PDB file of all heavy atoms in Angstrom:
ATOM      1  N   ARG A   1       0.837  -1.265  -0.011  1.00  0.00           N
ATOM      2  CA  ARG A   1       0.034   0.016   0.056  1.00  0.00           C
ATOM      3  C   ARG A   1       0.899   1.214  -0.072  1.00  0.00           C
ATOM      4  O   ARG A   1       1.984   1.404   0.591  1.00  0.00           O
ATOM      5  CB  ARG A   1      -0.922   0.049   1.229  1.00  0.00           C
ATOM      6  CG  ARG A   1      -1.865  -1.193   1.290  1.00  0.00           C
ATOM      7  CD  ARG A   1      -2.661  -1.112   2.547  1.00  0.00           C
ATOM      8  NE  ARG A   1      -3.656  -2.295   2.511  1.00  0.00           N
ATOM      9  CZ  ARG A   1      -4.395  -2.418   3.698  1.00  0.00           C
ATOM     10  NH1 ARG A   1      -4.318  -1.608   4.727  1.00  0.00           N
ATOM     11  NH2 ARG A   1      -5.223  -3.487   3.681  1.00  0.00           N
ATOM     12  N   PRO A   2       0.424   2.267  -0.683  1.00  0.00           N
ATOM     13  CA  PRO A   2       1.189   3.491  -0.689  1.00  0.00           C
ATOM     14  C   PRO A   2       1.277   4.211   0.814  1.00  0.00           C
ATOM     15  O   PRO A   2       0.375   4.016   1.523  1.00  0.00           O
ATOM     16  CB  PRO A   2       0.412   4.436  -1.591  1.00  0.00           C
ATOM     17  CG  PRO A   2      -0.959   3.861  -1.618  1.00  0.00           C
ATOM     18  CD  PRO A   2      -0.794   2.424  -1.417  1.00  0.00           C
ATOM     19  N   SER A   3       2.382   4.783   0.997  1.00  0.00           N
ATOM     20  CA  SER A   3       2.517   5.391   2.301  1.00  0.00           C
ATOM     21  C   SER A   3       1.531   6.656   2.397  1.00  0.00           C
ATOM     22  O   SER A   3       1.133   7.279   1.383  1.00  0.00           O
ATOM     23  CB  SER A   3       3.993   5.842   2.471  1.00  0.00           C
ATOM     24  OG  SER A   3       4.391   6.942   1.619  1.00  0.00           O
ATOM     25  N   PRO A   4       1.320   7.190   3.681  1.00  0.00           N
ATOM     26  CA  PRO A   4       0.577   8.365   3.794  1.00  0.00           C
ATOM     27  C   PRO A   4       1.207   9.507   3.219  1.00  0.00           C
ATOM     28  O   PRO A   4       0.397  10.460   2.554  1.00  0.00           O
ATOM     29  CB  PRO A   4       0.580   8.509   5.428  1.00  0.00           C
ATOM     30  CG  PRO A   4       0.748   7.177   5.837  1.00  0.00           C
ATOM     31  CD  PRO A   4       1.616   6.550   4.986  1.00  0.00           C
ATOM     32  N   GLU A   5       2.530   9.572   3.130  1.00  0.00           N
ATOM     33  CA  GLU A   5       3.194  10.684   2.454  1.00  0.00           C
ATOM     34  C   GLU A   5       2.994  10.678   1.086  1.00  0.00           C
ATOM     35  O   GLU A   5       2.901  11.820   0.384  1.00  0.00           O
ATOM     36  CB  GLU A   5       4.795  10.549   2.827  1.00  0.00           C
ATOM     37  CG  GLU A   5       5.150  10.783   4.299  1.00  0.00           C
ATOM     38  CD  GLU A   5       4.931   9.547   5.081  1.00  0.00           C
ATOM     39  OE1 GLU A   5       4.746   8.405   4.578  1.00  0.00           O
ATOM     40  OE2 GLU A   5       4.999   9.707   6.305  1.00  0.00           O
ATOM     41  N   ALA A   6       3.037   9.501   0.407  1.00  0.00           N
ATOM     42  CA  ALA A   6       2.765   9.295  -1.077  1.00  0.00           C
ATOM     43  C   ALA A   6       1.320   9.811  -1.375  1.00  0.00           C
ATOM     44  O   ALA A   6       1.122  10.449  -2.318  1.00  0.00           O
ATOM     45  CB  ALA A   6       2.962   7.874  -1.409  1.00  0.00           C
ATOM     46  N   ILE A   7       0.438   9.455  -0.508  1.00  0.00           N
ATOM     47  CA  ILE A   7      -1.012   9.864  -0.814  1.00  0.00           C
ATOM     48  C   ILE A   7      -1.000  11.364  -0.810  1.00  0.00           C
ATOM     49  O   ILE A   7      -1.780  12.021  -1.535  1.00  0.00           O
ATOM     50  CB  ILE A   7      -1.891   9.227   0.356  1.00  0.00           C
ATOM     51  CG1 ILE A   7      -2.018   7.783   0.151  1.00  0.00           C
ATOM     52  CG2 ILE A   7      -3.263   9.829   0.181  1.00  0.00           C
ATOM     53  CD1 ILE A   7      -2.623   6.986   1.188  1.00  0.00           C
ATOM     54  N   ASP A   8      -0.477  12.028   0.328  1.00  0.00           N
ATOM     55  CA  ASP A   8      -0.544  13.505   0.451  1.00  0.00           C
ATOM     56  C   ASP A   8       0.225  14.152  -0.887  1.00  0.00           C
ATOM     57  O   ASP A   8      -0.322  15.145  -1.348  1.00  0.00           O
ATOM     58  CB  ASP A   8       0.196  13.948   1.625  1.00  0.00           C
ATOM     59  CG  ASP A   8      -0.506  13.524   2.947  1.00  0.00           C
ATOM     60  OD1 ASP A   8      -1.669  13.274   2.883  1.00  0.00           O
ATOM     61  OD2 ASP A   8       0.090  13.604   3.992  1.00  0.00           O
ATOM     62  N   LEU A   9       1.233  13.554  -1.324  1.00  0.00           N
ATOM     63  CA  LEU A   9       1.997  14.046  -2.445  1.00  0.00           C
ATOM     64  C   LEU A   9       1.152  14.057  -3.733  1.00  0.00           C
ATOM     65  O   LEU A   9       1.065  15.121  -4.462  1.00  0.00           O
ATOM     66  CB  LEU A   9       3.260  13.288  -2.643  1.00  0.00           C
ATOM     67  CG  LEU A   9       4.113  13.707  -3.904  1.00  0.00           C
ATOM     68  CD1 LEU A   9       4.697  15.093  -3.621  1.00  0.00           C
ATOM     69  CD2 LEU A   9       5.185  12.681  -4.222  1.00  0.00           C
ATOM     70  N   TYR A  10       0.360  12.966  -3.848  1.00  0.00           N
ATOM     71  CA  TYR A  10      -0.445  12.973  -5.007  1.00  0.00           C
ATOM     72  C   TYR A  10      -1.662  13.852  -4.975  1.00  0.00           C
ATOM     73  O   TYR A  10      -2.253  14.329  -5.939  1.00  0.00           O
ATOM     74  CB  TYR A  10      -0.945  11.417  -5.286  1.00  0.00           C
ATOM     75  CG  TYR A  10       0.047  10.594  -6.057  1.00  0.00           C
ATOM     76  CD1 TYR A  10       1.208  10.153  -5.355  1.00  0.00           C
ATOM     77  CD2 TYR A  10      -0.024  10.398  -7.340  1.00  0.00           C
ATOM     78  CE1 TYR A  10       2.131   9.398  -5.967  1.00  0.00           C
ATOM     79  CE2 TYR A  10       0.881   9.609  -8.077  1.00  0.00           C
ATOM     80  CZ  TYR A  10       1.944   9.107  -7.382  1.00  0.00           C
ATOM     81  OH  TYR A  10       2.878   8.301  -8.050  1.00  0.00           O
ATOM     82  N   MET A  11      -2.210  14.047  -3.752  1.00  0.00           N
ATOM     83  CA  MET A  11      -3.329  14.961  -3.486  1.00  0.00           C
ATOM     84  C   MET A  11      -2.872  16.431  -3.884  1.00  0.00           C
ATOM     85  O   MET A  11      -3.638  17.151  -4.446  1.00  0.00           O
ATOM     86  CB  MET A  11      -3.799  14.899  -2.064  1.00  0.00           C
ATOM     87  CG  MET A  11      -4.715  13.717  -1.806  1.00  0.00           C
ATOM     88  SD  MET A  11      -6.278  13.677  -2.730  1.00  0.00           S
ATOM     89  CE  MET A  11      -7.030  15.240  -2.191  1.00  0.00           C
ATOM     90  N   LYS A  12      -1.587  16.752  -3.446  1.00  0.00           N
ATOM     91  CA  LYS A  12      -1.117  18.185  -3.769  1.00  0.00           C
ATOM     92  C   LYS A  12      -0.976  18.261  -5.383  1.00  0.00           C
ATOM     93  O   LYS A  12      -1.015  19.501  -5.687  1.00  0.00           O
ATOM     94  CB  LYS A  12       0.218  18.299  -3.062  1.00  0.00           C
ATOM     95  CG  LYS A  12       0.139  18.530  -1.543  1.00  0.00           C
ATOM     96  CD  LYS A  12       1.508  18.535  -0.950  1.00  0.00           C
ATOM     97  CE  LYS A  12       1.326  18.538   0.596  1.00  0.00           C
ATOM     98  NZ  LYS A  12       2.642  18.650   1.230  1.00  0.00           N
ATOM     99  N   GLU A  13      -0.692  17.254  -6.075  1.00  0.00           N
ATOM    100  CA  GLU A  13      -0.723  17.359  -7.664  1.00  0.00           C
ATOM    101  C   GLU A  13      -1.992  18.008  -8.131  1.00  0.00           C
ATOM    102  O   GLU A  13      -1.896  18.802  -9.021  1.00  0.00           O
ATOM    103  CB  GLU A  13      -0.457  16.015  -8.171  1.00  0.00           C
ATOM    104  CG  GLU A  13       0.959  15.569  -8.036  1.00  0.00           C
ATOM    105  CD  GLU A  13       1.990  16.518  -8.569  1.00  0.00           C
ATOM    106  OE1 GLU A  13       1.787  16.921  -9.730  1.00  0.00           O
ATOM    107  OE2 GLU A  13       2.938  16.866  -7.843  1.00  0.00           O
ATOM    108  N   GLY A  14      -3.093  17.721  -7.465  1.00  0.00           N
ATOM    109  CA  GLY A  14      -4.310  18.280  -7.946  1.00  0.00           C
ATOM    110  C   GLY A  14      -4.464  19.774  -7.695  1.00  0.00           C
ATOM    111  O   GLY A  14      -4.880  20.581  -8.592  1.00  0.00           O
ATOM    112  N   ASP A  15      -3.895  20.175  -6.569  1.00  0.00           N
ATOM    113  CA  ASP A  15      -3.853  21.704  -6.253  1.00  0.00           C
ATOM    114  C   ASP A  15      -2.946  22.363  -7.150  1.00  0.00           C
ATOM    115  O   ASP A  15      -3.030  23.665  -7.305  1.00  0.00           O
ATOM    116  CB  ASP A  15      -3.370  21.850  -4.799  1.00  0.00           C
ATOM    117  CG  ASP A  15      -4.306  21.244  -3.701  1.00  0.00           C
ATOM    118  OD1 ASP A  15      -5.592  21.164  -4.086  1.00  0.00           O
ATOM    119  OD2 ASP A  15      -3.923  20.883  -2.692  1.00  0.00           O
ATOM    120  N   ARG A  16      -1.982  21.680  -7.740  1.00  0.00           N
ATOM    121  CA  ARG A  16      -0.914  22.409  -8.614  1.00  0.00           C
ATOM    122  C   ARG A  16      -1.482  22.552 -10.003  1.00  0.00           C
ATOM    123  O   ARG A  16      -0.825  23.105 -10.795  1.00  0.00           O
ATOM    124  CB  ARG A  16       0.290  21.641  -8.558  1.00  0.00           C
ATOM    125  CG  ARG A  16       1.126  21.625  -7.158  1.00  0.00           C
ATOM    126  CD  ARG A  16       2.384  20.870  -7.331  1.00  0.00           C
ATOM    127  NE  ARG A  16       3.221  21.525  -8.394  1.00  0.00           N
ATOM    128  CZ  ARG A  16       3.760  20.697  -9.351  1.00  0.00           C
ATOM    129  NH1 ARG A  16       3.486  19.453  -9.580  1.00  0.00           N
ATOM    130  NH2 ARG A  16       4.552  21.357 -10.288  1.00  0.00           N
ATOM    131  N   THR A  17      -2.599  21.969 -10.265  1.00  0.00           N
ATOM    132  CA  THR A  17      -3.009  21.857 -11.756  1.00  0.00           C
ATOM    133  C   THR A  17      -3.264  23.317 -12.270  1.00  0.00           C
ATOM    134  O   THR A  17      -2.745  23.636 -13.431  1.00  0.00           O
ATOM    135  CB  THR A  17      -4.429  21.147 -11.851  1.00  0.00           C
ATOM    136  OG1 THR A  17      -4.174  19.882 -11.422  1.00  0.00           O
ATOM    137  CG2 THR A  17      -4.872  21.051 -13.297  1.00  0.00           C
ATOM    138  N   GLU A  18      -3.986  24.137 -11.564  1.00  0.00           N
ATOM    139  CA  GLU A  18      -4.249  25.531 -11.979  1.00  0.00           C
ATOM    140  C   GLU A  18      -2.992  26.226 -12.291  1.00  0.00           C
ATOM    141  O   GLU A  18      -2.716  26.970 -13.313  1.00  0.00           O
ATOM    142  CB  GLU A  18      -5.142  26.259 -11.040  1.00  0.00           C
ATOM    143  CG  GLU A  18      -5.525  27.661 -11.542  1.00  0.00           C
ATOM    144  CD  GLU A  18      -6.382  28.377 -10.620  1.00  0.00           C
ATOM    145  OE1 GLU A  18      -6.819  27.746  -9.672  1.00  0.00           O
ATOM    146  OE2 GLU A  18      -6.915  29.420 -10.957  1.00  0.00           O
ATOM    147  N   GLU A  19      -1.941  26.144 -11.338  1.00  0.00           N
ATOM    148  CA  GLU A  19      -0.707  26.823 -11.465  1.00  0.00           C
ATOM    149  C   GLU A  19       0.086  26.376 -12.573  1.00  0.00           C
ATOM    150  O   GLU A  19       0.570  27.171 -13.422  1.00  0.00           O
ATOM    151  CB  GLU A  19       0.051  26.491 -10.128  1.00  0.00           C
ATOM    152  CG  GLU A  19       1.558  27.098 -10.139  1.00  0.00           C
ATOM    153  CD  GLU A  19       2.480  26.533  -9.030  1.00  0.00           C
ATOM    154  OE1 GLU A  19       1.824  26.020  -8.019  1.00  0.00           O
ATOM    155  OE2 GLU A  19       3.628  26.539  -9.223  1.00  0.00           O
ATOM    156  N   ILE A  20       0.053  25.091 -12.964  1.00  0.00           N
ATOM    157  CA  ILE A  20       0.765  24.474 -14.110  1.00  0.00           C
ATOM    158  C   ILE A  20       0.204  24.988 -15.328  1.00  0.00           C
ATOM    159  O   ILE A  20       0.890  25.420 -16.367  1.00  0.00           O
ATOM    160  CB  ILE A  20       0.769  22.958 -14.037  1.00  0.00           C
ATOM    161  CG1 ILE A  20       1.557  22.386 -12.860  1.00  0.00           C
ATOM    162  CG2 ILE A  20       1.241  22.306 -15.416  1.00  0.00           C
ATOM    163  CD1 ILE A  20       1.375  21.022 -12.686  1.00  0.00           C
ATOM    164  N   ILE A  21      -1.239  25.119 -15.470  1.00  0.00           N
ATOM    165  CA  ILE A  21      -1.874  25.465 -16.629  1.00  0.00           C
ATOM    166  C   ILE A  21      -1.551  27.023 -16.947  1.00  0.00           C
ATOM    167  O   ILE A  21      -1.162  27.371 -18.032  1.00  0.00           O
ATOM    168  CB  ILE A  21      -3.411  25.351 -16.494  1.00  0.00           C
ATOM    169  CG1 ILE A  21      -3.732  23.869 -16.463  1.00  0.00           C
ATOM    170  CG2 ILE A  21      -4.060  26.013 -17.739  1.00  0.00           C
ATOM    171  CD1 ILE A  21      -3.360  22.957 -17.637  1.00  0.00           C
ATOM    172  N   LYS A  22      -1.509  27.878 -15.914  1.00  0.00           N
ATOM    173  CA  LYS A  22      -1.241  29.181 -15.983  1.00  0.00           C
ATOM    174  C   LYS A  22       0.165  29.369 -16.534  1.00  0.00           C
ATOM    175  O   LYS A  22       0.374  30.226 -17.397  1.00  0.00           O
ATOM    176  CB  LYS A  22      -1.346  29.876 -14.631  1.00  0.00           C
ATOM    177  CG  LYS A  22      -2.805  30.187 -14.326  1.00  0.00           C
ATOM    178  CD  LYS A  22      -2.806  30.968 -12.947  1.00  0.00           C
ATOM    179  CE  LYS A  22      -4.283  31.170 -12.496  1.00  0.00           C
ATOM    180  NZ  LYS A  22      -4.405  31.959 -11.100  1.00  0.00           N
ATOM    181  N   ARG A  23       1.080  28.622 -16.037  1.00  0.00           N
ATOM    182  CA  ARG A  23       2.491  28.725 -16.479  1.00  0.00           C
ATOM    183  C   ARG A  23       2.730  28.208 -17.911  1.00  0.00           C
ATOM    184  O   ARG A  23       3.379  28.968 -18.718  1.00  0.00           O
ATOM    185  CB  ARG A  23       3.504  27.715 -15.648  1.00  0.00           C
ATOM    186  CG  ARG A  23       4.905  27.988 -15.861  1.00  0.00           C
ATOM    187  CD  ARG A  23       5.719  27.117 -15.051  1.00  0.00           C
ATOM    188  NE  ARG A  23       5.720  25.728 -15.331  1.00  0.00           N
ATOM    189  CZ  ARG A  23       5.266  24.815 -14.400  1.00  0.00           C
ATOM    190  NH1 ARG A  23       4.754  25.135 -13.246  1.00  0.00           N
ATOM    191  NH2 ARG A  23       5.252  23.585 -14.898  1.00  0.00           N
ATOM    192  N   ARG A  24       1.954  27.382 -18.345  1.00  0.00           N
ATOM    193  CA  ARG A  24       1.965  26.850 -19.730  1.00  0.00           C
ATOM    194  C   ARG A  24       1.363  27.805 -20.708  1.00  0.00           C
ATOM    195  O   ARG A  24       1.813  27.970 -21.882  1.00  0.00           O
ATOM    196  CB  ARG A  24       1.404  25.537 -19.835  1.00  0.00           C
ATOM    197  CG  ARG A  24       2.126  24.354 -19.279  1.00  0.00           C
ATOM    198  CD  ARG A  24       1.598  23.013 -19.359  1.00  0.00           C
ATOM    199  NE  ARG A  24       2.334  21.940 -18.701  1.00  0.00           N
ATOM    200  CZ  ARG A  24       2.094  20.772 -18.496  1.00  0.00           C
ATOM    201  NH1 ARG A  24       0.757  20.345 -18.698  1.00  0.00           N
ATOM    202  NH2 ARG A  24       2.785  19.836 -17.837  1.00  0.00           N
ATOM    203  N   MET A  25       0.275  28.479 -20.201  1.00  0.00           N
ATOM    204  CA  MET A  25      -0.226  29.641 -21.007  1.00  0.00           C
ATOM    205  C   MET A  25       0.699  30.800 -21.176  1.00  0.00           C
ATOM    206  O   MET A  25       0.823  31.302 -22.364  1.00  0.00           O
ATOM    207  CB  MET A  25      -1.511  30.150 -20.367  1.00  0.00           C
ATOM    208  CG  MET A  25      -2.591  29.050 -20.207  1.00  0.00           C
ATOM    209  SD  MET A  25      -3.262  28.574 -21.798  1.00  0.00           S
ATOM    210  CE  MET A  25      -4.584  29.647 -22.016  1.00  0.00           C
ATOM    211  N   MET A  26       1.533  31.007 -20.162  1.00  0.00           N
ATOM    212  CA  MET A  26       2.582  32.090 -20.301  1.00  0.00           C
ATOM    213  C   MET A  26       3.649  31.650 -21.288  1.00  0.00           C
ATOM    214  O   MET A  26       4.157  32.468 -22.025  1.00  0.00           O
ATOM    215  CB  MET A  26       3.105  32.419 -18.861  1.00  0.00           C
ATOM    216  CG  MET A  26       2.144  33.108 -17.960  1.00  0.00           C
ATOM    217  SD  MET A  26       1.331  34.587 -18.619  1.00  0.00           S
ATOM    218  CE  MET A  26       2.838  35.836 -18.319  1.00  0.00           C
ATOM    219  N   ASP A  27       3.935  30.316 -21.188  1.00  0.00           N
ATOM    220  CA  ASP A  27       5.065  29.755 -22.096  1.00  0.00           C
ATOM    221  C   ASP A  27       4.504  29.981 -23.500  1.00  0.00           C
ATOM    222  O   ASP A  27       5.379  30.214 -24.373  1.00  0.00           O
ATOM    223  CB  ASP A  27       5.272  28.395 -21.787  1.00  0.00           C
ATOM    224  CG  ASP A  27       6.073  28.151 -20.403  1.00  0.00           C
ATOM    225  OD1 ASP A  27       6.482  29.124 -19.942  1.00  0.00           O
ATOM    226  OD2 ASP A  27       6.035  26.977 -19.799  1.00  0.00           O
ATOM    227  N   ALA A  28       3.309  29.761 -23.757  1.00  0.00           N
ATOM    228  CA  ALA A  28       2.715  29.892 -25.093  1.00  0.00           C
ATOM    229  C   ALA A  28       2.717  31.252 -25.550  1.00  0.00           C
ATOM    230  O   ALA A  28       3.111  31.539 -26.750  1.00  0.00           O
ATOM    231  CB  ALA A  28       1.199  29.369 -25.194  1.00  0.00           C
ATOM    232  N   MET A  29       2.589  32.225 -24.669  1.00  0.00           N
ATOM    233  CA  MET A  29       2.786  33.664 -24.978  1.00  0.00           C
ATOM    234  C   MET A  29       4.123  33.957 -25.466  1.00  0.00           C
ATOM    235  O   MET A  29       4.386  34.758 -26.369  1.00  0.00           O
ATOM    236  CB  MET A  29       2.214  34.431 -23.920  1.00  0.00           C
ATOM    237  CG  MET A  29       2.319  36.004 -24.103  1.00  0.00           C
ATOM    238  SD  MET A  29       3.892  36.729 -23.776  1.00  0.00           S
ATOM    239  CE  MET A  29       4.043  36.552 -22.167  1.00  0.00           C
ATOM    240  N   VAL A  30       5.210  33.471 -24.673  1.00  0.00           N
ATOM    241  CA  VAL A  30       6.624  33.706 -25.028  1.00  0.00           C
ATOM    242  C   VAL A  30       6.858  32.985 -26.332  1.00  0.00           C
ATOM    243  O   VAL A  30       7.482  33.712 -27.012  1.00  0.00           O
ATOM    244  CB  VAL A  30       7.476  33.060 -23.888  1.00  0.00           C
ATOM    245  CG1 VAL A  30       8.836  33.169 -24.244  1.00  0.00           C
ATOM    246  CG2 VAL A  30       7.079  33.884 -22.594  1.00  0.00           C
TER     247      VAL A  30
END
């Protein structure tokens, strides 16, 4: 079974989605 730390890490990936999309949009502008 995955460790509690691994579960938390994967949950945080969801929170980073908006940030990643914004960065990629800025990359497209560049």
